[in-house]
């Protein structure tokens, strides 16, 4: 691989950054809300799954009277 001098490297970096399509403020907000909502749903699912498995283990081992 050929070495490039720092000036050429920085020019290449600027060229590549100009190709990036950045999300709008609205897209960022919607995406953030979706991530928070999915994290909440995953937490709720795992809470319920843990409760059901705990109840099942207690039932099998006879710990829950």
N, C-alpha and C. Protein backbone atom coordinates (compact mmCIF):
# COMPACT_ATOMS: atom_id res chain seq x y z
N UNK A 1 0.85 -1.17 0.00
CA UNK A 1 0.00 0.00 0.00
C UNK A 1 0.90 1.24 0.00
N UNK A 2 0.62 2.14 -0.89
CA UNK A 2 1.44 3.34 -1.03
C UNK A 2 1.18 4.29 0.13
N UNK A 3 2.25 4.90 0.60
CA UNK A 3 2.10 5.89 1.68
C UNK A 3 1.61 7.20 1.08
N UNK A 4 0.85 7.92 1.87
CA UNK A 4 0.34 9.21 1.44
C UNK A 4 0.75 10.26 2.46
N UNK A 5 0.97 11.46 1.99
CA UNK A 5 1.40 12.48 2.92
C UNK A 5 0.18 13.00 3.71
N UNK A 6 0.42 13.65 4.85
CA UNK A 6 -0.68 14.10 5.70
C UNK A 6 -1.68 15.03 4.99
N UNK A 7 -1.20 15.89 4.09
CA UNK A 7 -2.12 16.78 3.39
C UNK A 7 -3.09 15.98 2.52
N UNK A 8 -2.57 15.01 1.77
CA UNK A 8 -3.44 14.18 0.93
C UNK A 8 -4.41 13.36 1.77
N UNK A 9 -3.91 12.86 2.88
CA UNK A 9 -4.76 12.09 3.78
C UNK A 9 -5.93 12.93 4.28
N UNK A 10 -5.65 14.15 4.73
CA UNK A 10 -6.71 15.02 5.23
C UNK A 10 -7.69 15.36 4.11
N UNK A 11 -7.20 15.55 2.90
CA UNK A 11 -8.09 15.83 1.77
C UNK A 11 -9.00 14.63 1.50
N UNK A 12 -8.46 13.43 1.58
CA UNK A 12 -9.27 12.23 1.38
C UNK A 12 -10.32 12.08 2.48
N UNK A 13 -9.94 12.41 3.70
CA UNK A 13 -10.89 12.35 4.82
C UNK A 13 -12.03 13.33 4.59
N UNK A 14 -11.70 14.56 4.18
CA UNK A 14 -12.75 15.56 3.90
C UNK A 14 -13.66 15.11 2.78
N UNK A 15 -13.09 14.50 1.74
CA UNK A 15 -13.90 14.00 0.62
C UNK A 15 -14.87 12.90 1.09
N UNK A 16 -14.38 12.01 1.93
CA UNK A 16 -15.24 10.92 2.42
C UNK A 16 -16.33 11.46 3.35
N UNK A 17 -15.99 12.41 4.22
CA UNK A 17 -16.99 12.98 5.13
C UNK A 17 -18.07 13.71 4.36
N UNK A 18 -17.71 14.32 3.25
CA UNK A 18 -18.72 15.03 2.45
C UNK A 18 -19.72 14.07 1.81
N UNK A 19 -19.37 12.79 1.70
CA UNK A 19 -20.27 11.79 1.12
C UNK A 19 -21.28 11.26 2.13
N UNK A 20 -21.05 11.51 3.40
CA UNK A 20 -21.93 10.99 4.45
C UNK A 20 -23.25 11.74 4.43
N UNK A 21 -24.36 10.99 4.53
CA UNK A 21 -25.66 11.64 4.66
C UNK A 21 -26.05 11.60 6.14
N UNK A 22 -26.07 12.76 6.76
CA UNK A 22 -26.36 12.86 8.18
C UNK A 22 -27.86 12.89 8.39
N UNK A 23 -28.36 12.25 9.46
CA UNK A 23 -29.80 12.27 9.72
C UNK A 23 -30.26 13.66 10.15
N UNK A 24 -31.52 13.94 9.84
CA UNK A 24 -32.09 15.23 10.26
C UNK A 24 -32.39 15.18 11.75
N UNK A 25 -32.70 16.33 12.30
CA UNK A 25 -33.05 16.40 13.73
C UNK A 25 -34.28 15.55 14.01
N UNK A 26 -35.26 15.58 13.10
CA UNK A 26 -36.48 14.81 13.27
C UNK A 26 -36.18 13.31 13.23
N UNK A 27 -35.37 12.87 12.26
CA UNK A 27 -35.01 11.45 12.16
C UNK A 27 -34.28 10.99 13.42
N UNK A 28 -33.41 11.83 13.95
CA UNK A 28 -32.68 11.48 15.17
C UNK A 28 -33.63 11.33 16.35
N UNK A 29 -34.59 12.24 16.46
CA UNK A 29 -35.56 12.17 17.55
C UNK A 29 -36.43 10.93 17.46
N UNK A 30 -36.92 10.63 16.26
CA UNK A 30 -37.78 9.45 16.08
C UNK A 30 -37.00 8.18 16.38
N UNK A 31 -35.77 8.10 15.89
CA UNK A 31 -34.95 6.93 16.14
C UNK A 31 -34.66 6.76 17.63
N UNK A 32 -34.38 7.85 18.32
CA UNK A 32 -34.12 7.80 19.76
C UNK A 32 -35.35 7.29 20.51
N UNK A 33 -36.52 7.80 20.16
CA UNK A 33 -37.75 7.34 20.81
C UNK A 33 -38.00 5.86 20.55
N UNK A 34 -37.70 5.41 19.36
CA UNK A 34 -37.89 3.98 19.05
C UNK A 34 -36.94 3.11 19.87
N UNK A 35 -35.71 3.56 20.03
CA UNK A 35 -34.74 2.79 20.82
C UNK A 35 -35.20 2.72 22.28
N UNK A 36 -35.65 3.84 22.82
CA UNK A 36 -36.12 3.86 24.22
C UNK A 36 -37.34 2.96 24.37
N UNK A 37 -38.28 3.03 23.42
CA UNK A 37 -39.48 2.20 23.49
C UNK A 37 -39.12 0.71 23.42
N UNK A 38 -38.22 0.33 22.52
CA UNK A 38 -37.83 -1.07 22.40
C UNK A 38 -37.07 -1.55 23.64
N UNK A 39 -36.26 -0.68 24.23
CA UNK A 39 -35.56 -1.06 25.47
C UNK A 39 -36.56 -1.28 26.59
N UNK A 40 -37.59 -0.44 26.66
CA UNK A 40 -38.64 -0.60 27.67
C UNK A 40 -39.39 -1.90 27.46
N UNK A 41 -39.75 -2.20 26.21
CA UNK A 41 -40.47 -3.45 25.93
C UNK A 41 -39.60 -4.67 26.24
N UNK A 42 -38.33 -4.60 25.91
CA UNK A 42 -37.43 -5.72 26.22
C UNK A 42 -37.30 -5.91 27.73
N UNK A 43 -37.20 -4.81 28.47
CA UNK A 43 -37.11 -4.90 29.93
C UNK A 43 -38.39 -5.50 30.51
N UNK A 44 -39.53 -5.10 30.00
CA UNK A 44 -40.80 -5.64 30.45
C UNK A 44 -40.90 -7.13 30.14
N UNK A 45 -40.49 -7.51 28.94
CA UNK A 45 -40.52 -8.92 28.57
C UNK A 45 -39.64 -9.76 29.50
N UNK A 46 -38.42 -9.29 29.75
CA UNK A 46 -37.52 -10.07 30.60
C UNK A 46 -37.97 -10.09 32.06
N UNK A 47 -38.61 -9.02 32.51
CA UNK A 47 -39.18 -9.02 33.86
C UNK A 47 -40.26 -10.08 33.97
N UNK A 48 -41.17 -10.12 33.01
CA UNK A 48 -42.24 -11.11 33.03
C UNK A 48 -41.70 -12.52 32.88
N UNK A 49 -40.73 -12.72 31.98
CA UNK A 49 -40.13 -14.04 31.80
C UNK A 49 -39.46 -14.51 33.09
N UNK A 50 -38.77 -13.62 33.77
CA UNK A 50 -38.10 -13.95 35.03
C UNK A 50 -39.12 -14.33 36.10
N UNK A 51 -40.21 -13.57 36.17
CA UNK A 51 -41.24 -13.87 37.15
C UNK A 51 -41.87 -15.24 36.89
N UNK A 52 -42.17 -15.53 35.64
CA UNK A 52 -42.78 -16.82 35.29
C UNK A 52 -41.82 -17.97 35.59
N UNK A 53 -40.54 -17.80 35.22
CA UNK A 53 -39.57 -18.87 35.48
C UNK A 53 -39.35 -19.05 36.99
N UNK A 54 -39.33 -17.95 37.73
CA UNK A 54 -39.20 -18.05 39.18
C UNK A 54 -40.37 -18.77 39.80
N UNK A 55 -41.57 -18.46 39.32
CA UNK A 55 -42.76 -19.14 39.81
C UNK A 55 -42.70 -20.63 39.48
N UNK A 56 -42.25 -20.95 38.25
CA UNK A 56 -42.14 -22.35 37.83
C UNK A 56 -41.13 -23.13 38.66
N UNK A 57 -39.99 -22.53 38.94
CA UNK A 57 -38.96 -23.19 39.74
C UNK A 57 -39.47 -23.41 41.16
N UNK A 58 -40.13 -22.41 41.72
CA UNK A 58 -40.69 -22.55 43.06
C UNK A 58 -41.73 -23.67 43.10
N UNK A 59 -42.53 -23.76 42.07
CA UNK A 59 -43.56 -24.80 42.00
C UNK A 59 -42.92 -26.20 41.91
N UNK A 60 -41.89 -26.34 41.08
CA UNK A 60 -41.23 -27.63 40.90
C UNK A 60 -40.48 -28.04 42.15
N UNK A 61 -39.81 -27.11 42.80
CA UNK A 61 -39.01 -27.45 43.97
C UNK A 61 -39.83 -27.46 45.26
N UNK A 62 -41.07 -27.06 45.18
CA UNK A 62 -41.94 -27.08 46.34
C UNK A 62 -41.61 -25.98 47.34
N UNK A 63 -41.02 -24.89 46.88
CA UNK A 63 -40.66 -23.80 47.79
C UNK A 63 -41.82 -22.84 48.01
N UNK A 64 -42.77 -22.81 47.09
CA UNK A 64 -43.89 -21.88 47.21
C UNK A 64 -45.09 -22.58 47.81
N UNK A 65 -45.43 -22.24 49.02
CA UNK A 65 -46.57 -22.90 49.68
C UNK A 65 -47.83 -22.15 49.38
